[in-house]
Protein backbone atom coordinates (compact mmCIF):
# COMPACT_ATOMS: atom_id res chain seq x y z
CA MET A 1 -30.71 -18.99 40.90
CA ASN A 2 -29.18 -22.39 41.64
CA PHE A 3 -26.29 -24.04 39.83
CA LYS A 4 -28.49 -25.97 37.38
CA GLU A 5 -30.38 -22.83 36.35
CA LYS A 6 -27.12 -20.95 35.82
CA LYS A 7 -25.74 -23.84 33.74
CA TYR A 8 -28.91 -23.97 31.62
CA LYS A 9 -28.79 -20.20 31.04
CA TYR A 10 -25.14 -20.45 29.98
CA GLN A 11 -25.89 -23.29 27.56
CA SER A 12 -28.80 -21.30 26.07
CA LEU A 13 -26.51 -18.34 25.43
CA ARG A 14 -23.97 -20.58 23.73
CA MET A 15 -26.69 -22.12 21.55
CA ASN A 16 -27.86 -18.65 20.51
CA GLU A 17 -24.31 -17.80 19.54
CA LEU A 18 -24.20 -20.91 17.35
CA LEU A 19 -27.35 -19.76 15.57
CA TYR A 20 -25.51 -16.67 14.39
CA LYS A 21 -22.84 -18.69 12.62
CA LEU A 22 -23.35 -18.92 8.88
CA PRO A 23 -24.09 -22.47 7.74
CA GLU A 24 -21.27 -24.22 5.91
CA ILE A 25 -23.77 -26.08 3.70
CA PRO A 26 -22.55 -26.88 0.17
CA LEU A 27 -24.67 -25.92 -2.80
CA ILE A 28 -26.50 -28.83 -4.41
CA LYS A 29 -27.44 -29.54 -8.02
CA GLU A 30 -31.17 -29.01 -7.48
CA LEU A 31 -31.58 -25.29 -8.08
CA ASN A 32 -35.11 -25.22 -6.64
CA LYS A 33 -33.91 -26.58 -3.31
CA ASN A 34 -31.16 -23.96 -3.16
CA ILE A 35 -33.68 -21.22 -3.89
CA ASP A 36 -36.13 -22.53 -1.27
CA TYR A 37 -33.43 -22.58 1.40
CA LEU A 38 -32.24 -19.06 0.57
CA LYS A 39 -35.81 -17.71 0.48
CA SER A 40 -36.53 -19.22 3.88
CA ALA A 41 -33.33 -17.65 5.24
CA TYR A 42 -34.27 -14.25 3.78
CA LYS A 43 -37.91 -14.43 4.83
CA ASP A 44 -39.40 -10.95 5.49
CA CYS A 45 -36.41 -9.32 3.75
CA SER A 46 -38.04 -7.07 1.16
CA ASP A 47 -34.74 -5.76 -0.18
CA VAL A 48 -33.45 -9.20 -1.26
CA VAL A 49 -34.21 -9.85 -4.95
CA PHE A 50 -34.52 -13.30 -6.55
CA ARG A 51 -34.49 -12.94 -10.36
CA GLU A 52 -35.11 -16.29 -12.03
CA PHE A 53 -34.29 -16.63 -15.76
CA ILE A 54 -33.16 -19.13 -18.39
CA ILE A 55 -29.66 -19.18 -19.87
CA GLY A 56 -29.53 -20.01 -23.56
CA SER A 57 -33.11 -21.37 -23.47
CA GLN A 58 -31.68 -24.47 -21.76
CA ILE A 59 -30.54 -23.96 -18.15
CA ASN A 60 -32.59 -22.49 -15.33
CA ALA A 61 -30.74 -19.94 -13.23
CA VAL A 62 -31.36 -17.39 -10.51
CA LEU A 63 -29.75 -14.03 -9.87
CA LEU A 64 -29.67 -13.06 -6.19
CA TYR A 65 -28.74 -9.59 -4.90
CA ILE A 66 -29.72 -6.95 -2.33
CA ASP A 67 -31.43 -3.88 -3.73
CA GLY A 68 -29.42 -0.81 -2.80
CA LEU A 69 -26.08 -2.61 -2.48
CA SER A 70 -25.65 -3.83 -6.07
CA ASN A 71 -25.42 -1.92 -9.33
CA THR A 72 -28.71 -2.85 -11.07
CA GLU A 73 -27.81 -1.03 -14.28
CA GLU A 74 -24.60 -3.03 -14.66
CA ILE A 75 -26.50 -6.22 -13.81
CA ASP A 76 -29.08 -5.61 -16.53
CA GLN A 77 -26.54 -4.58 -19.18
CA HIS A 78 -23.62 -6.96 -18.57
CA VAL A 79 -25.23 -9.99 -16.92
CA LEU A 80 -28.91 -10.52 -17.69
CA MET A 81 -28.88 -9.21 -21.27
CA PRO A 82 -26.02 -11.39 -22.63
CA LEU A 83 -27.12 -14.51 -20.74
CA THR A 84 -30.79 -14.37 -21.75
CA ARG A 85 -29.89 -13.69 -25.40
CA MET A 86 -27.59 -16.69 -25.71
CA LYS A 87 -28.80 -19.00 -28.50
CA SER A 88 -27.05 -22.21 -27.53
CA LEU A 89 -25.14 -23.58 -24.57
CA ASN A 90 -22.78 -26.55 -24.41
CA PRO A 91 -24.08 -28.74 -21.56
CA ASP A 92 -20.59 -30.15 -20.92
CA THR A 93 -18.97 -26.83 -19.98
CA PRO A 94 -21.80 -24.46 -19.02
CA MET A 95 -19.86 -22.73 -16.25
CA GLU A 96 -17.00 -21.67 -18.51
CA ILE A 97 -19.35 -20.45 -21.24
CA VAL A 98 -21.45 -18.41 -18.83
CA LYS A 99 -18.33 -16.94 -17.24
CA ASN A 100 -16.94 -15.87 -20.61
CA GLU A 101 -20.27 -14.46 -21.73
CA MET A 102 -20.63 -11.96 -18.87
CA ALA A 103 -18.83 -8.62 -19.25
CA VAL A 104 -17.78 -8.44 -15.60
CA SER A 105 -14.14 -8.11 -14.60
CA ASP A 106 -14.37 -9.54 -11.07
CA ILE A 107 -15.98 -13.02 -11.09
CA LYS A 108 -15.40 -15.55 -8.30
CA GLU A 109 -16.71 -19.07 -7.83
CA ILE A 110 -18.64 -19.88 -4.66
CA HIS A 111 -19.44 -23.32 -3.28
CA THR A 112 -21.39 -22.96 0.00
CA ILE A 113 -24.47 -21.21 1.36
CA SER A 114 -22.29 -19.14 3.67
CA ASP A 115 -20.43 -17.82 0.61
CA VAL A 116 -23.78 -16.69 -0.81
CA PHE A 117 -24.67 -14.83 2.41
CA LYS A 118 -21.27 -13.14 2.65
CA GLN A 119 -21.09 -12.04 -0.98
CA ILE A 120 -24.55 -10.53 -1.32
CA SER A 121 -24.14 -8.72 2.00
CA ILE A 122 -21.20 -6.77 0.55
CA GLY A 123 -23.08 -5.97 -2.66
CA ASN A 124 -21.89 -8.74 -4.99
CA PRO A 125 -24.74 -10.39 -6.94
CA ILE A 126 -24.85 -14.20 -7.05
CA ILE A 127 -25.72 -16.45 -10.00
CA LEU A 128 -26.76 -20.05 -9.32
CA MET A 129 -27.53 -22.54 -12.09
CA ASP A 130 -29.40 -25.81 -12.21
CA GLN A 131 -27.34 -29.02 -12.11
CA GLN A 132 -24.27 -27.11 -10.84
CA THR A 133 -22.76 -27.36 -7.36
CA ASN A 134 -21.12 -23.96 -7.54
CA GLY A 135 -22.11 -20.46 -8.51
CA PHE A 136 -20.65 -17.08 -9.45
CA SER A 137 -20.09 -13.99 -7.34
CA LEU A 138 -20.05 -10.86 -9.51
CA GLY A 139 -18.10 -7.80 -8.43
CA LEU A 140 -20.84 -5.25 -9.05
CA PRO A 141 -21.36 -3.48 -5.71
CA MET A 142 -22.69 0.06 -5.55
CA TRP A 143 -23.96 2.08 -2.61
CA GLU A 144 -24.07 5.69 -1.52
CA LYS A 145 -20.83 7.01 -0.08
CA ARG A 146 -19.54 10.28 1.28
CA GLY A 147 -17.20 12.39 -0.80
CA ILE A 148 -13.55 12.86 0.12
CA GLU A 149 -13.02 16.02 2.16
CA GLU A 150 -10.63 17.45 4.74
CA PRO A 151 -11.01 16.00 8.25
CA SER A 152 -12.39 18.65 10.60
CA ALA A 153 -10.50 17.28 13.62
CA GLU A 154 -7.09 17.25 11.86
CA SER A 155 -7.14 20.33 9.67
CA VAL A 156 -3.83 21.85 8.57
CA VAL A 157 -2.78 25.17 7.06
CA ARG A 158 -0.37 23.48 4.68
CA GLY A 159 -0.80 19.90 3.53
CA PRO A 160 -3.17 17.54 1.72
CA ARG A 161 -6.90 18.30 2.00
CA GLU A 162 -8.17 14.74 1.70
CA GLY A 163 -9.34 12.43 4.43
CA PHE A 164 -10.59 8.89 4.87
CA VAL A 165 -14.28 8.11 4.36
CA GLU A 166 -16.59 5.33 5.57
CA THR A 167 -15.99 3.13 2.49
CA LEU A 168 -13.11 0.70 2.97
CA ARG A 169 -12.02 0.43 -0.68
CA VAL A 170 -11.89 4.19 -1.05
CA ASN A 171 -9.56 4.35 1.95
CA THR A 172 -7.28 1.63 0.58
CA SER A 173 -7.10 3.43 -2.76
CA LEU A 174 -6.08 6.65 -1.00
CA LEU A 175 -3.16 4.82 0.56
CA ARG A 176 -2.24 3.10 -2.71
CA ARG A 177 -2.02 6.49 -4.40
CA LYS A 178 0.66 7.51 -1.92
CA ILE A 179 2.58 4.23 -1.60
CA ARG A 180 2.90 2.58 -5.01
CA HIS A 181 5.49 -0.07 -4.20
CA PRO A 182 4.41 -3.75 -4.32
CA SER A 183 5.87 -4.28 -0.84
CA PHE A 184 2.83 -2.43 0.53
CA LYS A 185 0.62 -5.29 1.72
CA MET A 186 -3.00 -5.39 2.85
CA LYS A 187 -4.44 -8.41 4.66
CA GLN A 188 -8.21 -8.64 4.95
CA MET A 189 -10.25 -10.34 7.66
CA ASP A 190 -13.87 -10.27 8.81
CA ILE A 191 -14.72 -9.57 12.46
CA GLY A 192 -18.14 -9.71 14.08
CA ARG A 193 -20.52 -12.64 14.20
CA LEU A 194 -23.43 -10.60 12.85
CA THR A 195 -21.87 -7.65 11.04
CA GLU A 196 -18.93 -9.50 9.38
CA THR A 197 -17.11 -6.16 9.27
CA GLN A 198 -14.20 -6.07 6.86
CA ILE A 199 -10.86 -5.19 8.45
CA ILE A 200 -7.65 -4.39 6.57
CA VAL A 201 -4.24 -4.81 8.20
CA ALA A 202 -1.80 -2.71 6.15
CA TYR A 203 1.98 -2.81 6.48
CA MET A 204 5.20 -2.49 4.51
CA GLU A 205 6.83 -5.85 3.90
CA GLY A 206 10.52 -5.73 4.73
CA ILE A 207 10.11 -2.57 6.82
CA ALA A 208 7.56 -3.56 9.47
CA ASP A 209 8.75 -6.10 12.04
CA SER A 210 7.31 -9.54 11.31
CA THR A 211 6.76 -10.14 15.03
CA LEU A 212 4.68 -6.98 15.25
CA ILE A 213 2.60 -7.99 12.22
CA LYS A 214 1.92 -11.40 13.76
CA GLU A 215 0.99 -9.90 17.13
CA VAL A 216 -1.48 -7.43 15.62
CA THR A 217 -3.05 -10.15 13.47
CA ASN A 218 -3.38 -12.54 16.42
CA ARG A 219 -5.05 -9.94 18.60
CA LEU A 220 -7.54 -9.14 15.87
CA MET A 221 -8.33 -12.81 15.27
CA ARG A 222 -9.06 -13.33 18.98
CA ILE A 223 -11.88 -10.75 18.94
CA ASP A 224 -15.26 -12.42 19.48
CA ILE A 225 -18.14 -9.95 19.33
CA ASP A 226 -21.52 -9.58 17.63
CA GLY A 227 -20.57 -6.53 15.61
CA ILE A 228 -17.93 -3.89 14.87
CA LEU A 229 -19.50 -0.51 14.10
CA GLU A 230 -16.53 1.80 14.68
CA SER A 231 -12.77 1.66 15.19
CA GLY A 232 -13.24 2.25 18.93
CA TYR A 233 -14.47 -1.34 19.27
CA ILE A 234 -11.19 -2.64 17.85
CA GLU A 235 -9.01 -0.18 19.76
CA GLU A 236 -10.45 -1.14 23.13
CA MET A 237 -10.04 -4.86 22.50
CA ILE A 238 -6.46 -4.98 21.24
CA GLN A 239 -4.68 -2.40 23.39
CA ASP A 240 -2.28 -3.58 26.10
CA ARG A 241 -3.71 -1.70 29.09
CA PRO A 242 -7.44 -0.95 28.61
CA PHE A 243 -7.71 0.71 32.03
CA SER A 244 -5.04 3.30 31.30
CA PRO A 245 -6.29 6.85 30.60
CA PHE A 246 -3.60 7.32 27.94
CA PRO A 247 -4.28 6.21 24.35
CA GLN A 248 -2.06 3.32 23.31
CA ILE A 249 -3.13 3.29 19.66
CA LEU A 250 -2.94 6.28 17.34
CA THR A 251 -6.06 7.26 15.39
CA THR A 252 -6.16 9.40 12.28
CA GLU A 253 -8.45 10.42 9.44
CA ARG A 254 -5.60 11.55 7.20
CA PRO A 255 -4.11 9.27 4.51
CA ASP A 256 -0.81 11.17 4.61
CA VAL A 257 -0.39 10.42 8.33
CA ALA A 258 -1.22 6.74 7.79
CA ALA A 259 1.22 6.54 4.86
CA SER A 260 4.01 8.14 6.88
CA CYS A 261 3.49 5.68 9.71
CA LEU A 262 3.58 2.78 7.25
CA LEU A 263 6.94 4.00 5.94
CA GLU A 264 8.23 4.02 9.51
CA GLY A 265 7.33 0.37 9.97
CA ARG A 266 4.09 0.70 11.88
CA ILE A 267 0.83 -1.16 11.24
CA VAL A 268 -2.31 0.59 9.99
CA ILE A 269 -5.74 -0.97 10.62
CA LEU A 270 -8.61 0.16 8.37
CA ILE A 271 -12.19 -0.65 9.35
CA ASP A 272 -15.14 -0.61 6.98
CA GLY A 273 -17.80 1.90 8.00
CA THR A 274 -15.57 4.44 9.76
CA PRO A 275 -13.12 7.09 8.53
CA PHE A 276 -10.78 6.55 11.50
CA ALA A 277 -7.73 4.37 10.96
CA LEU A 278 -5.81 2.78 13.84
CA ILE A 279 -2.01 2.93 13.94
CA ALA A 280 0.07 0.66 16.15
CA PRO A 281 2.32 0.88 17.98
CA CYS A 282 2.53 4.43 19.29
CA THR A 283 4.55 6.32 21.90
CA PHE A 284 3.95 9.36 24.06
CA ALA A 285 5.97 11.51 21.68
CA SER A 286 3.76 10.59 18.72
CA MET A 287 0.72 11.88 20.61
CA LEU A 288 2.21 15.37 20.62
CA GLN A 289 3.17 15.43 16.94
CA ALA A 290 0.96 17.01 14.29
CA PRO A 291 0.97 16.33 10.52
CA GLU A 292 1.86 19.94 9.78
CA ASP A 293 5.16 19.54 11.65
CA TYR A 294 6.51 17.87 8.51
CA TYR A 295 5.21 20.35 5.96
CA ASN A 296 6.74 23.52 7.43
CA SER A 297 10.34 24.53 7.99
CA PHE A 298 12.10 22.53 10.68
CA PHE A 299 12.74 25.76 12.65
CA ILE A 300 9.04 26.57 12.77
CA SER A 301 8.08 22.97 13.49
CA THR A 302 10.56 22.69 16.36
CA PHE A 303 9.31 25.95 17.92
CA ILE A 304 5.67 24.86 17.70
CA ARG A 305 6.52 21.44 19.10
CA TRP A 306 8.26 22.98 22.12
CA LEU A 307 5.25 25.26 22.58
CA ARG A 308 3.04 22.18 22.51
CA TYR A 309 5.09 20.45 25.22
CA ILE A 310 5.01 23.54 27.46
CA PHE A 311 1.27 23.92 27.17
CA PHE A 312 0.83 20.20 27.79
CA PHE A 313 2.18 20.72 31.31
CA ILE A 314 0.17 23.91 31.71
CA ALA A 315 -3.04 22.10 30.76
CA LEU A 316 -2.26 19.31 33.21
CA LEU A 317 -0.88 21.21 36.21
CA ALA A 318 -1.99 24.87 36.10
CA PRO A 319 -5.17 24.58 38.26
CA SER A 320 -3.44 22.18 40.68
CA ALA A 321 -0.42 24.44 41.10
CA TYR A 322 -2.68 27.47 41.65
CA VAL A 323 -4.70 25.63 44.32
CA ALA A 324 -1.56 24.33 46.06
CA VAL A 325 0.22 27.68 46.15
CA LEU A 326 -2.88 29.63 47.20
CA THR A 327 -3.75 27.16 49.97
CA TYR A 328 -0.38 26.20 51.48
CA HIS A 329 2.42 28.26 49.95
CA GLN A 330 1.32 31.91 49.96
CA GLU A 331 4.92 32.96 50.64
CA MET A 332 5.80 31.99 47.07
CA ILE A 333 3.50 34.68 45.64
CA PRO A 334 4.81 38.27 45.31
CA THR A 335 3.29 40.58 47.90
CA SER A 336 1.50 42.87 45.46
CA LEU A 337 0.00 39.95 43.59
CA LEU A 338 -0.97 38.24 46.85
CA LEU A 339 -2.83 41.35 47.98
CA THR A 340 -4.68 41.50 44.67
CA ILE A 341 -5.69 37.85 44.91
CA ALA A 342 -6.73 38.27 48.55
CA GLU A 343 -8.91 41.25 47.62
CA SER A 344 -10.59 39.32 44.79
CA ARG A 345 -11.23 36.35 47.11
CA GLU A 346 -12.56 38.43 49.98
CA GLN A 347 -16.22 37.65 49.18
CA ILE A 348 -15.69 34.08 47.93
CA PRO A 349 -17.34 31.57 50.33
CA PHE A 350 -15.49 28.49 49.01
CA PRO A 351 -11.89 27.33 49.41
CA ALA A 352 -9.64 27.40 46.36
CA LEU A 353 -10.11 23.66 45.67
CA ILE A 354 -13.93 23.87 45.52
CA GLU A 355 -13.66 27.04 43.46
CA ALA A 356 -11.38 25.32 40.94
CA PHE A 357 -13.73 22.33 40.75
CA ILE A 358 -16.73 24.55 40.01
CA MET A 359 -14.96 26.34 37.19
CA GLU A 360 -13.36 23.24 35.68
CA ILE A 361 -16.59 21.24 35.64
CA THR A 362 -18.46 24.21 34.16
CA PHE A 363 -15.84 24.64 31.47
CA GLU A 364 -15.92 20.92 30.61
CA ALA A 365 -19.72 21.01 30.39
CA LEU A 366 -19.58 23.99 28.02
CA ARG A 367 -16.98 22.23 25.89
CA GLU A 368 -19.13 19.10 25.58
CA ALA A 369 -22.20 21.22 24.82
CA GLY A 370 -20.31 22.93 21.99
CA ILE A 371 -19.38 19.54 20.52
CA ARG A 372 -22.88 18.01 20.71
CA LEU A 373 -24.79 21.01 19.42
CA PRO A 374 -25.09 21.73 15.67
CA LYS A 375 -21.98 23.29 14.16
CA GLN A 376 -23.76 26.55 13.41
CA VAL A 377 -24.43 27.25 17.09
CA GLY A 378 -21.98 24.97 18.90
CA ALA A 379 -18.95 27.25 18.73
CA ALA A 380 -20.99 30.33 19.63
CA VAL A 381 -22.56 28.62 22.65
CA SER A 382 -19.23 27.38 24.01
CA ILE A 383 -17.45 30.73 23.64
CA VAL A 384 -20.31 33.05 24.61
CA GLY A 385 -21.38 30.70 27.40
CA ALA A 386 -17.91 30.69 28.91
CA LEU A 387 -17.72 34.50 28.82
CA VAL A 388 -21.21 35.03 30.22
CA ILE A 389 -20.98 32.38 32.94
CA GLY A 390 -17.48 33.46 33.95
CA GLN A 391 -18.53 37.09 34.26
CA ALA A 392 -21.75 36.18 36.09
CA ALA A 393 -19.95 33.87 38.52
CA THR A 394 -17.38 36.57 39.28
CA SER A 395 -20.08 39.21 39.82
CA ALA A 396 -22.07 36.86 42.04
CA GLY A 397 -19.06 36.17 44.24
CA LEU A 398 -18.88 32.45 43.52
CA VAL A 399 -15.40 32.47 41.98
CA SER A 400 -12.57 34.96 41.84
CA SER A 401 -11.16 36.64 38.76
CA PRO A 402 -7.71 34.96 39.03
CA MET A 403 -9.38 31.54 39.07
CA VAL A 404 -11.35 32.37 35.92
CA MET A 405 -8.11 33.39 34.23
CA VAL A 406 -6.31 30.20 35.31
CA VAL A 407 -9.15 27.99 34.02
CA ALA A 408 -9.26 29.93 30.75
CA ILE A 409 -5.51 29.51 30.22
CA THR A 410 -5.84 25.80 31.03
CA GLY A 411 -8.65 25.42 28.49
CA VAL A 412 -6.67 27.19 25.78
CA ALA A 413 -3.63 25.02 26.55
CA SER A 414 -5.67 21.83 26.17
CA PHE A 415 -6.75 22.98 22.70
CA LEU A 416 -3.12 22.87 21.56
CA MET A 417 -3.04 19.06 21.79
CA PRO A 418 -3.02 17.69 18.22
CA ARG A 419 -4.75 14.44 19.25
CA TYR A 420 -8.23 14.52 20.75
CA ALA A 421 -7.54 11.40 22.85
CA THR A 422 -4.49 13.08 24.40
CA GLY A 423 -6.56 16.12 25.37
CA VAL A 424 -9.18 13.89 27.00
CA SER A 425 -6.48 12.13 29.03
CA ILE A 426 -5.24 15.48 30.34
CA ARG A 427 -8.79 16.53 31.24
CA LEU A 428 -9.32 13.31 33.20
CA LEU A 429 -6.03 13.47 35.11
CA ARG A 430 -6.46 17.15 35.97
CA PHE A 431 -9.12 16.43 38.62
CA PRO A 432 -7.29 13.84 40.80
CA ILE A 433 -4.16 15.99 40.76
CA MET A 434 -6.25 18.97 41.94
CA ILE A 435 -7.61 16.89 44.83
CA ILE A 436 -4.14 15.79 45.92
CA SER A 437 -2.77 19.33 45.62
CA GLY A 438 -5.68 20.65 47.69
CA MET A 439 -4.79 18.16 50.43
CA LEU A 440 -0.96 18.22 50.37
CA GLY A 441 0.03 21.35 48.46
CA LEU A 442 2.99 21.21 46.08
CA LEU A 443 3.95 17.86 47.62
CA GLY A 444 0.66 16.52 46.25
CA VAL A 445 1.46 17.96 42.82
CA MET A 446 4.81 16.19 42.83
CA LEU A 447 3.20 12.94 44.00
CA GLY A 448 0.70 13.20 41.15
CA ILE A 449 3.46 13.80 38.59
CA THR A 450 5.46 10.88 40.01
CA ALA A 451 2.46 8.55 39.79
CA ILE A 452 1.78 9.55 36.16
CA VAL A 453 5.42 9.11 35.12
CA ALA A 454 5.61 5.74 36.90
CA HIS A 455 2.48 4.62 35.07
CA LEU A 456 3.85 5.80 31.72
CA CYS A 457 7.11 3.93 32.35
CA THR A 458 5.18 0.66 32.73
CA LEU A 459 2.91 1.32 29.76
CA ARG A 460 3.56 -0.46 26.46
CA SER A 461 1.96 -0.39 23.04
CA PHE A 462 2.34 -3.77 21.36
CA GLY A 463 5.58 -4.32 23.22
CA VAL A 464 6.98 -0.83 22.54
CA PRO A 465 7.74 1.22 25.69
CA TYR A 466 5.40 4.21 25.80
CA LEU A 467 8.02 6.70 27.03
CA ASN A 468 11.01 5.23 25.25
CA THR A 469 11.55 6.80 21.85
CA SER A 470 14.25 4.37 20.78
CA ALA A 471 15.53 0.94 21.61
CA LYS A 472 19.01 2.37 22.06
CA LEU A 473 20.08 5.82 23.23
CA LYS A 474 21.37 7.03 19.87
CA ILE A 475 21.26 10.61 18.67
CA GLN A 476 19.69 9.68 15.34
CA ASN A 477 16.72 8.16 17.17
CA PHE A 478 15.86 11.51 18.81
CA LYS A 479 15.77 13.63 15.66
CA ASP A 480 11.98 13.69 15.65
CA VAL A 481 11.03 13.82 19.33
CA LEU A 482 11.68 17.16 21.03
CA ILE A 483 12.85 18.68 17.77
CA ARG A 484 12.07 18.10 14.12
CA ALA A 485 15.37 17.67 12.36
CA PRO A 486 15.76 18.62 8.67
CA TRP A 487 14.64 15.97 6.22
CA TRP A 488 18.15 15.43 4.88
CA ALA A 489 19.30 14.58 8.44
CA MET A 490 16.59 11.98 9.11
CA ASP A 491 18.15 9.17 7.11
CA THR A 492 17.17 6.18 9.29
CA ARG A 493 13.91 4.67 10.39
CA PRO A 494 12.86 4.25 14.04
CA GLU A 495 14.33 1.09 15.52
CA LEU A 496 11.29 0.48 17.71
CA TYR A 497 8.90 0.06 14.79
CA SER A 498 10.86 -1.25 11.83
CA SER A 499 12.76 -4.46 11.33
CA GLU A 500 16.54 -4.64 11.51
CA ALA A 501 16.97 -4.53 7.73
CA SER A 502 14.95 -1.33 7.42
CA THR A 503 17.18 0.68 9.76
CA LEU A 504 20.10 0.60 7.36
CA ARG A 505 21.18 3.99 6.07
CA ARG A 506 20.19 4.76 2.50
CA LYS A 507 22.22 7.23 0.45
CA SER A 508 22.02 8.40 -3.12
CA PRO A 509 25.29 8.78 -5.04
CA GLY A 510 26.51 12.37 -5.00
CA GLN A 511 23.64 13.61 -2.83
CA LYS A 512 22.91 14.18 0.80
CA PRO A 513 21.19 11.24 2.50
CA GLY A 514 17.52 11.42 1.65
CA PRO A 515 14.72 10.97 4.12
CA SER A 516 13.67 7.40 4.74
CA LYS A 517 10.14 8.41 5.70
CA SER A 518 7.62 11.14 5.18
CA GLY A 519 5.68 11.12 8.38
CA GLU A 520 5.58 11.44 12.03
CA GLU A 521 8.00 9.78 14.34
CA GLY A 522 11.74 9.38 13.93
């Protein structure tokens, strides 16, 4: 392909992109011409309804909506019935009379063809009248939606049992129920040339840093894509380091977690069509915090959090340490245990590194199979499969019993991670560390740890250092990192997220300082 052919192909792609843009054509007074244009645009669209009628026996009008997205019962009762039964209509002010006649609370004026396309696509019927250059958008959407239920991936023993759903306005109402102050703001934008997906940027005015709000909004506005079908599209396009295995944006299905992050000064992004909300910025510590940490006693929460940190290192380093010690540092193993391991490995034809790879890959395959299969059989297949395959591999002499135990402990440790994205990061990093440890022993393990820590030190989430839990090394900024301090002791907001005014201490007269947040990081 020569230069001219490449240039022509590029220009063709750009022209196709322009075809997707909605036309900014103003409505004209001739109703028939407006109807003809809209019918040509919606050619072969059987779900688009054009209902032509006469208002007050004087003015021709058309009602346009998409069957399945609009409430037809409300349309018949509160729109068509009062308008068709009108006896007279003042020709000087027909728009005001029609607007007052309809029993619809949300009525907006539209002026262009693109407004018509956008409004009916979200379920709002459109009324256009003859000899008028504008129309009405009626807030009468209705479509099937899933009921509110507890998220399966973030279940808690103690705490709220409600989770986000795929409907955007339901999700915003769940947050409004928890944060009732007028400083809770929600900015809406549409992303996607074809899908026009509604996005909500939620924040607390006066608490969230204005620079952070502007940065998040600018990154969202720069997205140029055909469609947004899930929050993963947005997450991948706005994060700082897309090639990093560590998640730089927090995801949640729980309104209480989103509300707590808003009170800290973070930004919550809600996307229509998905129950997952994005929270920015985030740190490494927030990835190891669970919602239930804030609903139990601070003693219990601190103990569980320490347990979570310990098993994080076990999930990351246990197979690598076992391979390194067994291959290069046998003197570190007690003699009785070394003899037992040597006896179990007597018939194993593979070195420890290959043995660990076989077991780890098998375990990961069983885990993925359990996720993809139906819920009724998924858990049984993953558990029974691991037991059967582990026993069969040991009996066949492919792997040793100690290796099966190490892989099982590693798998259990990875299940303790409260965030699925964090667990996936550990699973990915486990394999390169095993390779280095198989080549260099414990020196390779240390090199792997050093490389990970160096990468985390350079990682940022919307300007916030990933490993730094506070802008300044103050004790009050570490009350919710390794420990979970009592609520009466957490009387300031995190300096990394909130603006300077929001970090001021708040006290009630005659009482201990109350908590300035109800959520995750402090």
